[in-house]
Amino acid sequence: MSIIISTESAVVVPAEYREKYGVSVLPLHIIYGEESFEDGVNITGADILERYEKNKELPTTSACSIGEYTDYFASLTVDGGEVVHFAMSSGISSTYRNACIAAESFGGVRVVDTLNITAGAGLLVIRACEMAENGFTAKEIVRRAEEMKEKVRTSFIIDTLEFLRKGGRCSSLAALGANVLGIKPSVEVRDGKMQTAKKFRGKYPACVLKYVASCFEGAGEIDGARVFIEHAPGVSPDLVEEIRREIRRFCRFDEALEVDTTPTIICHCGPGTVGVQFMEK
């Protein structure tokens, strides 16, 4: 019986992996007033940044409904295949809950709470694809994914707190203080939730490299299979190359994958955002 690996647009899986393994992706919603867009289908992170530059307008994001998941899973199982769906963290969105409720109507659909977002969750999706290719059953894939998700390390550094302030996640006073002092905060995913981690001070490129070093200095034994360098559109190629060099000081990964972050992250974290995602053994 065929196994379909599925996820949603808040999870980053590079196009080459989606095509190679036939990964199915359900788009979340990006909403501007009465306008609703499908994340990654008819709106991109670059579109959001461009619109913000023009009129300072930020969208909201919305999970897919139970009904949308039901229709989606029905389309994936029409030929009798099994589905393993990887949802973004239940501590951040209702996608996991909605997917689980919808999955109850199907005998062959399993849902994994990645306790993660973006490329961090994408690491689990890629591993699941490799397991499916190697003959693992859907049940085995879920069991191993549940074990691996605790080993994922996901974090970001943020250039400006303006988007967090506009979204009500940071006070105007805190944002002003950070700007005056040149503080660049990092956030990491812990226990399925995004939390403030370290704060860096100085020019942003230098802060980014300090952040990258901090990602590895406190890490356990690193899984050298792959690392994601995730960033907002517009981050310079020169800075990305410096990030690569900094990462190589700590581990020479088999793959260092550069990807644009999702519109969902752009909505909350804004331009200049950079993230590093990898797994420990």
C-alpha atoms as a PDB file:
ATOM      1  CA  MET A   1       0.000   0.000   0.000  1.00  0.00           C
ATOM      2  CA  SER A   2       1.367   3.417  -0.955  1.00  0.00           C
ATOM      3  CA  ILE A   3       2.212   5.975   1.726  1.00  0.00           C
ATOM      4  CA  ILE A   4       1.706   9.682   1.051  1.00  0.00           C
ATOM      5  CA  ILE A   5       3.747  12.077   3.151  1.00  0.00           C
ATOM      6  CA  SER A   6       1.767  15.251   3.703  1.00  0.00           C
ATOM      7  CA  THR A   7       2.272  18.578   5.418  1.00  0.00           C
ATOM      8  CA  GLU A   8       1.080  22.182   5.372  1.00  0.00           C
ATOM      9  CA  SER A   9       2.507  25.411   4.026  1.00  0.00           C
ATOM     10  CA  ALA A  10       3.874  26.623   7.382  1.00  0.00           C
ATOM     11  CA  VAL A  11       6.349  23.732   7.119  1.00  0.00           C
ATOM     12  CA  VAL A  12       9.338  24.298   4.814  1.00  0.00           C
ATOM     13  CA  VAL A  13      10.221  21.444   2.469  1.00  0.00           C
ATOM     14  CA  PRO A  14      12.462  22.411  -0.480  1.00  0.00           C
ATOM     15  CA  ALA A  15      10.876  22.025  -3.920  1.00  0.00           C
ATOM     16  CA  GLU A  16      13.360  19.351  -4.966  1.00  0.00           C
ATOM     17  CA  TYR A  17      12.295  17.143  -2.048  1.00  0.00           C
ATOM     18  CA  ARG A  18       8.601  17.774  -2.616  1.00  0.00           C
ATOM     19  CA  GLU A  19       8.987  16.717  -6.237  1.00  0.00           C
ATOM     20  CA  LYS A  20      11.266  13.761  -5.543  1.00  0.00           C
ATOM     21  CA  TYR A  21       9.006  12.213  -2.920  1.00  0.00           C
ATOM     22  CA  GLY A  22       5.609  13.515  -4.004  1.00  0.00           C
ATOM     23  CA  VAL A  23       5.014  15.421  -0.772  1.00  0.00           C
ATOM     24  CA  SER A  24       1.501  16.882  -0.615  1.00  0.00           C
ATOM     25  CA  VAL A  25       1.128  20.376   0.904  1.00  0.00           C
ATOM     26  CA  LEU A  26      -2.066  21.983   2.198  1.00  0.00           C
ATOM     27  CA  PRO A  27      -1.857  25.809   2.073  1.00  0.00           C
ATOM     28  CA  LEU A  28      -2.824  27.880   5.104  1.00  0.00           C
ATOM     29  CA  HIS A  29      -4.558  31.237   4.738  1.00  0.00           C
ATOM     30  CA  ILE A  30      -3.077  34.741   4.627  1.00  0.00           C
ATOM     31  CA  ILE A  31      -5.754  37.380   5.177  1.00  0.00           C
ATOM     32  CA  TYR A  32      -5.841  41.092   4.364  1.00  0.00           C
ATOM     33  CA  GLY A  33      -9.217  42.380   5.495  1.00  0.00           C
ATOM     34  CA  GLU A  34     -11.722  40.812   3.099  1.00  0.00           C
ATOM     35  CA  GLU A  35      -8.993  39.320   0.907  1.00  0.00           C
ATOM     36  CA  SER A  36      -7.884  35.734   1.577  1.00  0.00           C
ATOM     37  CA  PHE A  37      -4.849  34.172  -0.066  1.00  0.00           C
ATOM     38  CA  GLU A  38      -3.452  30.638  -0.095  1.00  0.00           C
ATOM     39  CA  ASP A  39      -0.048  30.612   1.563  1.00  0.00           C
ATOM     40  CA  GLY A  40       2.650  29.893  -1.005  1.00  0.00           C
ATOM     41  CA  VAL A  41       0.133  29.496  -3.837  1.00  0.00           C
ATOM     42  CA  ASN A  42      -0.997  33.011  -4.711  1.00  0.00           C
ATOM     43  CA  ILE A  43       1.030  34.966  -2.152  1.00  0.00           C
ATOM     44  CA  THR A  44       4.676  34.805  -1.083  1.00  0.00           C
ATOM     45  CA  GLY A  45       6.792  36.250   1.666  1.00  0.00           C
ATOM     46  CA  ALA A  46       8.185  38.761  -0.839  1.00  0.00           C
ATOM     47  CA  ASP A  47       4.625  39.881  -1.641  1.00  0.00           C
ATOM     48  CA  ILE A  48       3.943  40.516   2.054  1.00  0.00           C
ATOM     49  CA  LEU A  49       7.119  42.560   2.492  1.00  0.00           C
ATOM     50  CA  GLU A  50       6.399  44.573  -0.659  1.00  0.00           C
ATOM     51  CA  ARG A  51       2.857  45.322   0.481  1.00  0.00           C
ATOM     52  CA  TYR A  52       4.133  46.381   3.883  1.00  0.00           C
ATOM     53  CA  GLU A  53       6.684  48.723   2.314  1.00  0.00           C
ATOM     54  CA  LYS A  54       3.923  50.405   0.308  1.00  0.00           C
ATOM     55  CA  ASN A  55       1.204  50.868   2.938  1.00  0.00           C
ATOM     56  CA  LYS A  56       2.470  49.433   6.261  1.00  0.00           C
ATOM     57  CA  GLU A  57      -0.312  46.831   6.111  1.00  0.00           C
ATOM     58  CA  LEU A  58       0.213  43.434   7.732  1.00  0.00           C
ATOM     59  CA  PRO A  59      -2.022  40.415   7.187  1.00  0.00           C
ATOM     60  CA  THR A  60      -3.257  37.877   9.683  1.00  0.00           C
ATOM     61  CA  THR A  61      -2.787  34.141   9.297  1.00  0.00           C
ATOM     62  CA  SER A  62      -5.399  31.426   9.627  1.00  0.00           C
ATOM     63  CA  ALA A  63      -5.260  27.655   9.990  1.00  0.00           C
ATOM     64  CA  CYS A  64      -7.297  25.449   7.691  1.00  0.00           C
ATOM     65  CA  SER A  65     -10.675  24.358   9.020  1.00  0.00           C
ATOM     66  CA  ILE A  66     -11.686  20.817   9.926  1.00  0.00           C
ATOM     67  CA  GLY A  67     -13.774  20.749   6.767  1.00  0.00           C
ATOM     68  CA  GLU A  68     -10.808  21.735   4.619  1.00  0.00           C
ATOM     69  CA  TYR A  69      -8.704  18.979   6.172  1.00  0.00           C
ATOM     70  CA  THR A  70     -11.517  16.485   5.622  1.00  0.00           C
ATOM     71  CA  ASP A  71     -11.724  17.336   1.924  1.00  0.00           C
ATOM     72  CA  TYR A  72      -7.946  17.314   1.653  1.00  0.00           C
ATOM     73  CA  PHE A  73      -7.529  13.884   3.259  1.00  0.00           C
ATOM     74  CA  ALA A  74     -10.387  12.532   1.132  1.00  0.00           C
ATOM     75  CA  SER A  75      -8.522  13.570  -2.018  1.00  0.00           C
ATOM     76  CA  LEU A  76      -5.306  11.896  -0.819  1.00  0.00           C
ATOM     77  CA  THR A  77      -6.927   8.587   0.140  1.00  0.00           C
ATOM     78  CA  VAL A  78      -9.237   8.165  -2.852  1.00  0.00           C
ATOM     79  CA  ASP A  79      -6.981   5.422  -4.258  1.00  0.00           C
ATOM     80  CA  GLY A  80      -6.700   3.617  -0.919  1.00  0.00           C
ATOM     81  CA  GLY A  81      -3.261   4.862   0.101  1.00  0.00           C
ATOM     82  CA  GLU A  82      -2.191   5.760   3.631  1.00  0.00           C
ATOM     83  CA  VAL A  83      -1.310   9.285   4.703  1.00  0.00           C
ATOM     84  CA  VAL A  84       1.163  10.508   7.311  1.00  0.00           C
ATOM     85  CA  HIS A  85       0.506  14.220   7.825  1.00  0.00           C
ATOM     86  CA  PHE A  86       3.020  16.471   9.579  1.00  0.00           C
ATOM     87  CA  ALA A  87       1.352  19.465  11.261  1.00  0.00           C
ATOM     88  CA  MET A  88       3.027  22.540  12.664  1.00  0.00           C
ATOM     89  CA  SER A  89       3.255  22.639  16.444  1.00  0.00           C
ATOM     90  CA  SER A  90       0.015  22.351  18.406  1.00  0.00           C
ATOM     91  CA  GLY A  91       1.472  24.968  20.755  1.00  0.00           C
ATOM     92  CA  ILE A  92       1.511  27.544  17.966  1.00  0.00           C
ATOM     93  CA  SER A  93      -1.488  26.774  15.762  1.00  0.00           C
ATOM     94  CA  SER A  94      -4.772  24.855  15.694  1.00  0.00           C
ATOM     95  CA  THR A  95      -3.711  22.990  12.548  1.00  0.00           C
ATOM     96  CA  TYR A  96      -2.792  19.828  14.454  1.00  0.00           C
ATOM     97  CA  ARG A  97      -6.099  19.722  16.338  1.00  0.00           C
ATOM     98  CA  ASN A  98      -8.136  20.329  13.181  1.00  0.00           C
ATOM     99  CA  ALA A  99      -6.176  17.727  11.234  1.00  0.00           C
ATOM    100  CA  CYS A 100      -6.661  15.138  14.003  1.00  0.00           C
ATOM    101  CA  ILE A 101     -10.421  15.677  14.087  1.00  0.00           C
ATOM    102  CA  ALA A 102     -10.616  15.355  10.309  1.00  0.00           C
ATOM    103  CA  ALA A 103      -8.390  12.254  10.339  1.00  0.00           C
ATOM    104  CA  GLU A 104     -10.921  10.422  12.535  1.00  0.00           C
ATOM    105  CA  SER A 105     -13.069   9.974   9.423  1.00  0.00           C
ATOM    106  CA  PHE A 106     -10.305   8.036   7.659  1.00  0.00           C
ATOM    107  CA  GLY A 107      -8.780   4.729   8.660  1.00  0.00           C
ATOM    108  CA  GLY A 108      -5.492   5.368   6.880  1.00  0.00           C
ATOM    109  CA  VAL A 109      -4.602   8.902   7.988  1.00  0.00           C
ATOM    110  CA  ARG A 110      -2.118   9.535  10.800  1.00  0.00           C
ATOM    111  CA  VAL A 111      -1.211  13.011  12.064  1.00  0.00           C
ATOM    112  CA  VAL A 112       2.107  13.952  13.688  1.00  0.00           C
ATOM    113  CA  ASP A 113       2.430  16.993  15.952  1.00  0.00           C
ATOM    114  CA  THR A 114       5.917  18.122  14.958  1.00  0.00           C
ATOM    115  CA  LEU A 115       6.176  20.481  17.962  1.00  0.00           C
ATOM    116  CA  ASN A 116       7.919  22.661  15.410  1.00  0.00           C
ATOM    117  CA  ILE A 117       7.541  25.067  12.526  1.00  0.00           C
ATOM    118  CA  THR A 118       9.003  25.893   9.131  1.00  0.00           C
ATOM    119  CA  ALA A 119      12.241  24.091   8.236  1.00  0.00           C
ATOM    120  CA  GLY A 120      12.501  22.498  11.675  1.00  0.00           C
ATOM    121  CA  ALA A 121       9.335  20.566  10.924  1.00  0.00           C
ATOM    122  CA  GLY A 122      10.611  20.116   7.376  1.00  0.00           C
ATOM    123  CA  LEU A 123      13.527  18.073   8.691  1.00  0.00           C
ATOM    124  CA  LEU A 124      11.013  15.530  10.001  1.00  0.00           C
ATOM    125  CA  VAL A 125       9.106  15.494   6.711  1.00  0.00           C
ATOM    126  CA  ILE A 126      12.269  14.694   4.759  1.00  0.00           C
ATOM    127  CA  ARG A 127      13.187  11.889   7.171  1.00  0.00           C
ATOM    128  CA  ALA A 128       9.659  10.492   6.794  1.00  0.00           C
ATOM    129  CA  CYS A 129      10.031  10.524   3.014  1.00  0.00           C
ATOM    130  CA  GLU A 130      13.297   8.623   3.261  1.00  0.00           C
ATOM    131  CA  MET A 131      11.702   6.061   5.569  1.00  0.00           C
ATOM    132  CA  ALA A 132       8.736   5.573   3.239  1.00  0.00           C
ATOM    133  CA  GLU A 133      11.127   5.051   0.332  1.00  0.00           C
ATOM    134  CA  ASN A 134      12.974   2.428   2.376  1.00  0.00           C
ATOM    135  CA  GLY A 135       9.843   0.400   3.047  1.00  0.00           C
ATOM    136  CA  PHE A 136       8.824   1.550   6.520  1.00  0.00           C
ATOM    137  CA  THR A 137       5.141   1.255   7.319  1.00  0.00           C
ATOM    138  CA  ALA A 138       3.057   4.320   8.146  1.00  0.00           C
ATOM    139  CA  LYS A 139       2.913   3.204  11.775  1.00  0.00           C
ATOM    140  CA  GLU A 140       6.702   2.863  11.937  1.00  0.00           C
ATOM    141  CA  ILE A 141       7.197   6.279  10.336  1.00  0.00           C
ATOM    142  CA  VAL A 142       4.967   7.914  12.937  1.00  0.00           C
ATOM    143  CA  ARG A 143       6.713   6.119  15.805  1.00  0.00           C
ATOM    144  CA  ARG A 144      10.161   7.182  14.647  1.00  0.00           C
ATOM    145  CA  ALA A 145       9.025  10.735  13.917  1.00  0.00           C
ATOM    146  CA  GLU A 146       7.693  10.992  17.474  1.00  0.00           C
ATOM    147  CA  GLU A 147      11.138  10.007  18.744  1.00  0.00           C
ATOM    148  CA  MET A 148      13.028  12.351  16.416  1.00  0.00           C
ATOM    149  CA  LYS A 149      10.979  15.493  16.946  1.00  0.00           C
ATOM    150  CA  GLU A 150      12.533  16.076  20.372  1.00  0.00           C
ATOM    151  CA  LYS A 151      15.926  16.306  18.661  1.00  0.00           C
ATOM    152  CA  VAL A 152      15.049  19.117  16.254  1.00  0.00           C
ATOM    153  CA  ARG A 153      16.621  22.495  16.974  1.00  0.00           C
ATOM    154  CA  THR A 154      14.816  25.484  15.471  1.00  0.00           C
ATOM    155  CA  SER A 155      15.542  29.161  16.079  1.00  0.00           C
ATOM    156  CA  PHE A 156      15.568  32.564  14.399  1.00  0.00           C
ATOM    157  CA  ILE A 157      17.158  35.966  14.857  1.00  0.00           C
ATOM    158  CA  ILE A 158      15.009  39.017  14.181  1.00  0.00           C
ATOM    159  CA  ASP A 159      16.281  42.252  12.676  1.00  0.00           C
ATOM    160  CA  THR A 160      13.317  44.446  13.640  1.00  0.00           C
ATOM    161  CA  LEU A 161      10.599  44.125  16.250  1.00  0.00           C
ATOM    162  CA  GLU A 162       8.206  46.233  14.188  1.00  0.00           C
ATOM    163  CA  PHE A 163       6.236  43.249  12.864  1.00  0.00           C
ATOM    164  CA  LEU A 164       5.931  41.715  16.322  1.00  0.00           C
ATOM    165  CA  ARG A 165       4.800  45.086  17.673  1.00  0.00           C
ATOM    166  CA  LYS A 166       2.198  45.516  14.931  1.00  0.00           C
ATOM    167  CA  GLY A 167       0.930  42.003  15.613  1.00  0.00           C
ATOM    168  CA  GLY A 168       0.543  42.728  19.330  1.00  0.00           C
ATOM    169  CA  ARG A 169       3.336  40.365  20.390  1.00  0.00           C
ATOM    170  CA  CYS A 170       5.716  43.081  21.543  1.00  0.00           C
ATOM    171  CA  SER A 171       5.026  46.415  23.230  1.00  0.00           C
ATOM    172  CA  SER A 172       5.876  49.705  21.547  1.00  0.00           C
ATOM    173  CA  LEU A 173       8.181  50.555  24.444  1.00  0.00           C
ATOM    174  CA  ALA A 174      10.110  47.285  24.138  1.00  0.00           C
ATOM    175  CA  ALA A 175      10.439  47.736  20.380  1.00  0.00           C
ATOM    176  CA  LEU A 176      11.666  51.307  20.796  1.00  0.00           C
ATOM    177  CA  GLY A 177      14.181  50.261  23.449  1.00  0.00           C
ATOM    178  CA  ALA A 178      15.527  47.457  21.282  1.00  0.00           C
ATOM    179  CA  ASN A 179      15.918  49.792  18.313  1.00  0.00           C
ATOM    180  CA  VAL A 180      17.687  52.472  20.347  1.00  0.00           C
ATOM    181  CA  LEU A 181      20.076  49.973  21.922  1.00  0.00           C
ATOM    182  CA  GLY A 182      20.632  48.013  18.711  1.00  0.00           C
ATOM    183  CA  ILE A 183      19.370  44.786  20.269  1.00  0.00           C
ATOM    184  CA  LYS A 184      18.577  41.895  17.949  1.00  0.00           C
ATOM    185  CA  PRO A 185      16.653  39.140  19.754  1.00  0.00           C
ATOM    186  CA  SER A 186      16.598  35.482  18.852  1.00  0.00           C
ATOM    187  CA  VAL A 187      13.680  33.148  19.405  1.00  0.00           C
ATOM    188  CA  GLU A 188      13.669  29.380  19.590  1.00  0.00           C
ATOM    189  CA  VAL A 189      11.073  26.667  19.609  1.00  0.00           C
ATOM    190  CA  ARG A 190      10.896  25.006  23.011  1.00  0.00           C
ATOM    191  CA  ASP A 191       8.240  22.483  24.006  1.00  0.00           C
ATOM    192  CA  GLY A 192       6.337  23.362  20.861  1.00  0.00           C
ATOM    193  CA  LYS A 193       6.227  27.111  21.529  1.00  0.00           C
ATOM    194  CA  MET A 194       8.270  30.071  20.352  1.00  0.00           C
ATOM    195  CA  GLN A 195      10.162  31.699  23.194  1.00  0.00           C
ATOM    196  CA  THR A 196      12.729  34.463  23.494  1.00  0.00           C
ATOM    197  CA  ALA A 197      16.239  33.049  23.633  1.00  0.00           C
ATOM    198  CA  LYS A 198      19.371  35.208  23.485  1.00  0.00           C
ATOM    199  CA  LYS A 199      19.754  38.884  22.631  1.00  0.00           C
ATOM    200  CA  PHE A 200      22.573  40.260  20.524  1.00  0.00           C
ATOM    201  CA  ARG A 201      23.788  43.812  20.198  1.00  0.00           C
ATOM    202  CA  GLY A 202      25.486  45.568  17.318  1.00  0.00           C
ATOM    203  CA  LYS A 203      25.227  45.672  13.549  1.00  0.00           C
ATOM    204  CA  TYR A 204      22.881  43.041  12.227  1.00  0.00           C
ATOM    205  CA  PRO A 205      25.321  40.945  10.105  1.00  0.00           C
ATOM    206  CA  ALA A 206      27.637  40.588  13.109  1.00  0.00           C
ATOM    207  CA  CYS A 207      24.678  39.712  15.338  1.00  0.00           C
ATOM    208  CA  VAL A 208      23.601  37.041  12.864  1.00  0.00           C
ATOM    209  CA  LEU A 209      26.999  35.344  13.027  1.00  0.00           C
ATOM    210  CA  LYS A 210      26.986  35.476  16.829  1.00  0.00           C
ATOM    211  CA  TYR A 211      23.519  33.938  16.746  1.00  0.00           C
ATOM    212  CA  VAL A 212      24.674  31.138  14.424  1.00  0.00           C
ATOM    213  CA  ALA A 213      27.545  30.298  16.759  1.00  0.00           C
ATOM    214  CA  SER A 214      25.144  30.249  19.722  1.00  0.00           C
ATOM    215  CA  CYS A 215      22.992  27.674  17.938  1.00  0.00           C
ATOM    216  CA  PHE A 216      25.799  25.132  18.071  1.00  0.00           C
ATOM    217  CA  GLU A 217      27.792  26.049  21.154  1.00  0.00           C
ATOM    218  CA  GLY A 218      25.187  24.620  23.513  1.00  0.00           C
ATOM    219  CA  ALA A 219      24.041  21.770  21.295  1.00  0.00           C
ATOM    220  CA  GLY A 220      24.475  18.084  21.962  1.00  0.00           C
ATOM    221  CA  GLU A 221      25.941  15.660  19.443  1.00  0.00           C
ATOM    222  CA  ILE A 222      24.913  16.978  16.051  1.00  0.00           C
ATOM    223  CA  ASP A 223      23.300  14.907  13.308  1.00  0.00           C
ATOM    224  CA  GLY A 224      25.384  15.853  10.283  1.00  0.00           C
ATOM    225  CA  ALA A 225      22.861  14.847   7.626  1.00  0.00           C
ATOM    226  CA  ARG A 226      21.507  18.328   6.877  1.00  0.00           C
ATOM    227  CA  VAL A 227      21.065  21.850   8.146  1.00  0.00           C
ATOM    228  CA  PHE A 228      18.674  24.521   6.930  1.00  0.00           C
ATOM    229  CA  ILE A 229      19.691  28.141   6.471  1.00  0.00           C
ATOM    230  CA  GLU A 230      16.280  29.776   6.432  1.00  0.00           C
ATOM    231  CA  HIS A 231      15.792  33.466   5.770  1.00  0.00           C
ATOM    232  CA  ALA A 232      13.389  36.166   4.718  1.00  0.00           C
ATOM    233  CA  PRO A 233      13.506  37.276   1.076  1.00  0.00           C
ATOM    234  CA  GLY A 234      16.147  39.921   0.486  1.00  0.00           C
ATOM    235  CA  VAL A 235      18.815  38.618   2.869  1.00  0.00           C
ATOM    236  CA  SER A 236      22.054  39.106   0.938  1.00  0.00           C
ATOM    237  CA  PRO A 237      23.908  36.165  -0.659  1.00  0.00           C
ATOM    238  CA  ASP A 238      27.092  37.434   1.005  1.00  0.00           C
ATOM    239  CA  LEU A 239      25.547  37.095   4.461  1.00  0.00           C
ATOM    240  CA  VAL A 240      24.252  33.618   3.597  1.00  0.00           C
ATOM    241  CA  GLU A 241      27.770  32.599   2.560  1.00  0.00           C
ATOM    242  CA  GLU A 242      29.147  33.941   5.845  1.00  0.00           C
ATOM    243  CA  ILE A 243      26.527  31.886   7.686  1.00  0.00           C
ATOM    244  CA  ARG A 244      27.654  28.788   5.781  1.00  0.00           C
ATOM    245  CA  ARG A 245      31.261  29.391   6.802  1.00  0.00           C
ATOM    246  CA  GLU A 246      30.270  29.913  10.418  1.00  0.00           C
ATOM    247  CA  ILE A 247      28.255  26.677  10.430  1.00  0.00           C
ATOM    248  CA  ARG A 248      31.243  24.756   9.034  1.00  0.00           C
ATOM    249  CA  ARG A 249      33.252  25.771  12.110  1.00  0.00           C
ATOM    250  CA  PHE A 250      30.957  23.517  14.149  1.00  0.00           C
ATOM    251  CA  CYS A 251      29.829  20.777  11.771  1.00  0.00           C
ATOM    252  CA  ARG A 252      30.360  19.873   8.128  1.00  0.00           C
ATOM    253  CA  PHE A 253      26.853  18.828   7.212  1.00  0.00           C
ATOM    254  CA  ASP A 254      26.215  16.564   4.234  1.00  0.00           C
ATOM    255  CA  GLU A 255      23.688  19.148   3.045  1.00  0.00           C
ATOM    256  CA  ALA A 256      23.333  22.840   3.871  1.00  0.00           C
ATOM    257  CA  LEU A 257      19.994  23.827   2.351  1.00  0.00           C
ATOM    258  CA  GLU A 258      19.186  27.501   1.804  1.00  0.00           C
ATOM    259  CA  VAL A 259      15.460  28.279   1.799  1.00  0.00           C
ATOM    260  CA  ASP A 260      13.136  31.266   2.005  1.00  0.00           C
ATOM    261  CA  THR A 261      11.078  31.199   5.159  1.00  0.00           C
ATOM    262  CA  THR A 262       7.321  30.890   4.975  1.00  0.00           C
ATOM    263  CA  PRO A 263       4.870  33.785   4.618  1.00  0.00           C
ATOM    264  CA  THR A 264       3.584  32.775   8.055  1.00  0.00           C
ATOM    265  CA  ILE A 265       6.930  33.614   9.670  1.00  0.00           C
ATOM    266  CA  ILE A 266       7.275  36.772   7.567  1.00  0.00           C
ATOM    267  CA  CYS A 267       3.931  38.011   8.941  1.00  0.00           C
ATOM    268  CA  HIS A 268       5.252  37.800  12.500  1.00  0.00           C
ATOM    269  CA  CYS A 269       9.012  38.331  12.251  1.00  0.00           C
ATOM    270  CA  GLY A 270       9.467  40.592   9.234  1.00  0.00           C
ATOM    271  CA  PRO A 271      12.383  41.366   6.917  1.00  0.00           C
ATOM    272  CA  GLY A 272      15.917  40.279   7.701  1.00  0.00           C
ATOM    273  CA  THR A 273      14.829  37.245   9.693  1.00  0.00           C
ATOM    274  CA  VAL A 274      17.375  34.419   9.627  1.00  0.00           C
ATOM    275  CA  GLY A 275      17.006  30.923  11.055  1.00  0.00           C
ATOM    276  CA  VAL A 276      19.163  27.831  11.494  1.00  0.00           C
ATOM    277  CA  GLN A 277      17.507  24.403  11.811  1.00  0.00           C
ATOM    278  CA  PHE A 278      19.211  21.053  12.399  1.00  0.00           C
ATOM    279  CA  MET A 279      18.868  17.870  14.445  1.00  0.00           C
ATOM    280  CA  GLU A 280      20.832  16.336  17.252  1.00  0.00           C
ATOM    281  CA  LYS A 281      21.541  12.623  17.370  1.00  0.00           C
END
